[in-house]
Structure formats: structure tokens, C-alpha cells
């Protein structure tokens, strides 16, 4: 998958699915100097993030993007604000 293809698929997912999810504050995608990617989503609560994760399993846009990725390279981390 080229950089342009990834960005186009990521944009479709973001606009067609992620932005529709309750509790989403912000989502951004960035690329590191070594070519690795990171997607950061800020949620109002862990429950909102959990609910999105469940809905994503059945979402066509999510499945389409994941089908083009090496899923063994995907990791999900959760962090809590300290403020």
C-alpha cells in the first residue's frame, strides 16, 4: 500500500466512521521518520472508546483498511490523562 493509498483509506475511515462515533474529541494520523504510522484518537471516556472498538469490528470501512495492512504490525495502547 502506498502512502497516498493509506492516507486516502484512512481519510475515508475517519470521515465515514470515526467522526460519527459518540465521545470522539479528536483523531489525527502521523508518520514517523522511519515510515511507521501512528493514529491518535482522544475520547471523552474509556466507555466511548470501548463502544467504538466494538462497532469498528462490523464496520466496512474499518475492514477495508485493515485488509490492506499487515495486522501483525498493529498495536493498540490506551493512556489516561493525568490532569
C-alpha atoms as a PDB file:
ATOM      1  CA  UNK A   1       0.000   0.000   0.000  1.00  0.00           C
ATOM      2  CA  UNK A   2       1.454   3.353  -0.978  1.00  0.00           C
ATOM      3  CA  UNK A   3       1.476   6.387   1.265  1.00  0.00           C
ATOM      4  CA  UNK A   4      -1.242   8.025  -0.857  1.00  0.00           C
ATOM      5  CA  UNK A   5      -3.407   4.883  -0.755  1.00  0.00           C
ATOM      6  CA  UNK A   6      -3.057   4.615   3.016  1.00  0.00           C
ATOM      7  CA  UNK A   7      -3.930   8.275   3.537  1.00  0.00           C
ATOM      8  CA  UNK A   8      -6.968   8.010   1.253  1.00  0.00           C
ATOM      9  CA  UNK A   9      -8.238   4.890   3.054  1.00  0.00           C
ATOM     10  CA  UNK A  10      -7.537   6.466   6.452  1.00  0.00           C
ATOM     11  CA  UNK A  11      -9.443   9.602   5.429  1.00  0.00           C
ATOM     12  CA  UNK A  12     -12.440   7.516   4.281  1.00  0.00           C
ATOM     13  CA  UNK A  13     -12.435   5.679   7.614  1.00  0.00           C
ATOM     14  CA  UNK A  14     -12.076   8.879   9.605  1.00  0.00           C
ATOM     15  CA  UNK A  15     -14.848  10.748   7.792  1.00  0.00           C
ATOM     16  CA  UNK A  16     -17.189   7.817   7.173  1.00  0.00           C
ATOM     17  CA  UNK A  17     -16.946   6.037  10.507  1.00  0.00           C
ATOM     18  CA  UNK A  18     -14.754   7.514  13.240  1.00  0.00           C
ATOM     19  CA  UNK A  19     -16.147  11.055  13.128  1.00  0.00           C
ATOM     20  CA  UNK A  20     -19.625   9.554  13.598  1.00  0.00           C
ATOM     21  CA  UNK A  21     -18.736   7.996  16.945  1.00  0.00           C
ATOM     22  CA  UNK A  22     -20.077   9.418  20.171  1.00  0.00           C
ATOM     23  CA  UNK A  23     -17.419  10.724  22.524  1.00  0.00           C
ATOM     24  CA  UNK A  24     -14.690  11.338  19.956  1.00  0.00           C
ATOM     25  CA  UNK A  25     -12.805  14.529  20.772  1.00  0.00           C
ATOM     26  CA  UNK A  26     -10.076  14.415  18.124  1.00  0.00           C
ATOM     27  CA  UNK A  27      -8.298  11.971  15.828  1.00  0.00           C
ATOM     28  CA  UNK A  28      -5.071  12.503  13.906  1.00  0.00           C
ATOM     29  CA  UNK A  29      -2.719  10.394  11.801  1.00  0.00           C
ATOM     30  CA  UNK A  30       1.046  10.984  11.605  1.00  0.00           C
ATOM     31  CA  UNK A  31       4.074   9.306  10.049  1.00  0.00           C
ATOM     32  CA  UNK A  32       7.472   8.832  11.685  1.00  0.00           C
ATOM     33  CA  UNK A  33      10.868   9.333  10.116  1.00  0.00           C
ATOM     34  CA  UNK A  34      11.299   5.548   9.678  1.00  0.00           C
ATOM     35  CA  UNK A  35       7.989   5.247   7.818  1.00  0.00           C
ATOM     36  CA  UNK A  36       5.932   3.986  10.753  1.00  0.00           C
ATOM     37  CA  UNK A  37       2.423   5.357  11.291  1.00  0.00           C
ATOM     38  CA  UNK A  38       0.512   6.378  14.406  1.00  0.00           C
ATOM     39  CA  UNK A  39      -3.154   7.190  14.779  1.00  0.00           C
ATOM     40  CA  UNK A  40      -4.147   9.012  17.941  1.00  0.00           C
ATOM     41  CA  UNK A  41      -7.777   9.265  18.977  1.00  0.00           C
ATOM     42  CA  UNK A  42      -8.828  11.238  22.029  1.00  0.00           C
ATOM     43  CA  UNK A  43     -12.060  10.094  23.657  1.00  0.00           C
ATOM     44  CA  UNK A  44     -14.307  11.665  26.258  1.00  0.00           C
ATOM     45  CA  UNK A  45     -14.230   8.387  28.211  1.00  0.00           C
ATOM     46  CA  UNK A  46     -12.938   4.826  28.107  1.00  0.00           C
ATOM     47  CA  UNK A  47     -16.521   3.663  27.651  1.00  0.00           C
ATOM     48  CA  UNK A  48     -16.786   5.723  24.438  1.00  0.00           C
ATOM     49  CA  UNK A  49     -13.525   4.224  23.138  1.00  0.00           C
ATOM     50  CA  UNK A  50     -14.721   0.719  24.040  1.00  0.00           C
ATOM     51  CA  UNK A  51     -18.032   1.248  22.254  1.00  0.00           C
ATOM     52  CA  UNK A  52     -16.261   2.466  19.120  1.00  0.00           C
ATOM     53  CA  UNK A  53     -13.940  -0.540  19.178  1.00  0.00           C
ATOM     54  CA  UNK A  54     -16.941  -2.898  19.253  1.00  0.00           C
ATOM     55  CA  UNK A  55     -18.708  -1.064  16.404  1.00  0.00           C
ATOM     56  CA  UNK A  56     -15.492  -0.990  14.341  1.00  0.00           C
ATOM     57  CA  UNK A  57     -15.454  -4.800  14.199  1.00  0.00           C
ATOM     58  CA  UNK A  58     -18.555  -4.727  11.985  1.00  0.00           C
ATOM     59  CA  UNK A  59     -17.695  -1.598  10.007  1.00  0.00           C
ATOM     60  CA  UNK A  60     -16.961  -1.996   6.279  1.00  0.00           C
ATOM     61  CA  UNK A  61     -14.534   0.956   6.134  1.00  0.00           C
ATOM     62  CA  UNK A  62     -12.545  -0.420   9.057  1.00  0.00           C
ATOM     63  CA  UNK A  63     -12.412  -3.880   7.490  1.00  0.00           C
ATOM     64  CA  UNK A  64     -11.361  -2.412   4.119  1.00  0.00           C
ATOM     65  CA  UNK A  65      -8.418  -0.560   5.631  1.00  0.00           C
ATOM     66  CA  UNK A  66      -7.297  -3.459   7.825  1.00  0.00           C
ATOM     67  CA  UNK A  67      -7.441  -5.832   4.831  1.00  0.00           C
ATOM     68  CA  UNK A  68      -4.678  -3.780   3.217  1.00  0.00           C
ATOM     69  CA  UNK A  69      -2.417  -3.699   6.283  1.00  0.00           C
ATOM     70  CA  UNK A  70      -0.082  -6.173   7.936  1.00  0.00           C
ATOM     71  CA  UNK A  71      -2.272  -6.598  11.010  1.00  0.00           C
ATOM     72  CA  UNK A  72       0.614  -8.155  12.952  1.00  0.00           C
ATOM     73  CA  UNK A  73       2.204  -4.698  12.913  1.00  0.00           C
ATOM     74  CA  UNK A  74      -0.807  -3.033  14.565  1.00  0.00           C
ATOM     75  CA  UNK A  75      -0.752  -2.359  18.284  1.00  0.00           C
ATOM     76  CA  UNK A  76      -3.325  -0.554  20.375  1.00  0.00           C
ATOM     77  CA  UNK A  77      -2.387   1.294  23.531  1.00  0.00           C
ATOM     78  CA  UNK A  78      -4.624   3.128  25.988  1.00  0.00           C
ATOM     79  CA  UNK A  79      -3.492   6.044  28.119  1.00  0.00           C
ATOM     80  CA  UNK A  80      -5.207   8.052  30.844  1.00  0.00           C
ATOM     81  CA  UNK A  81      -4.893  11.822  31.210  1.00  0.00           C
ATOM     82  CA  UNK A  82      -3.143  12.891  34.363  1.00  0.00           C
ATOM     83  CA  UNK A  83      -4.790  16.314  34.703  1.00  0.00           C
END
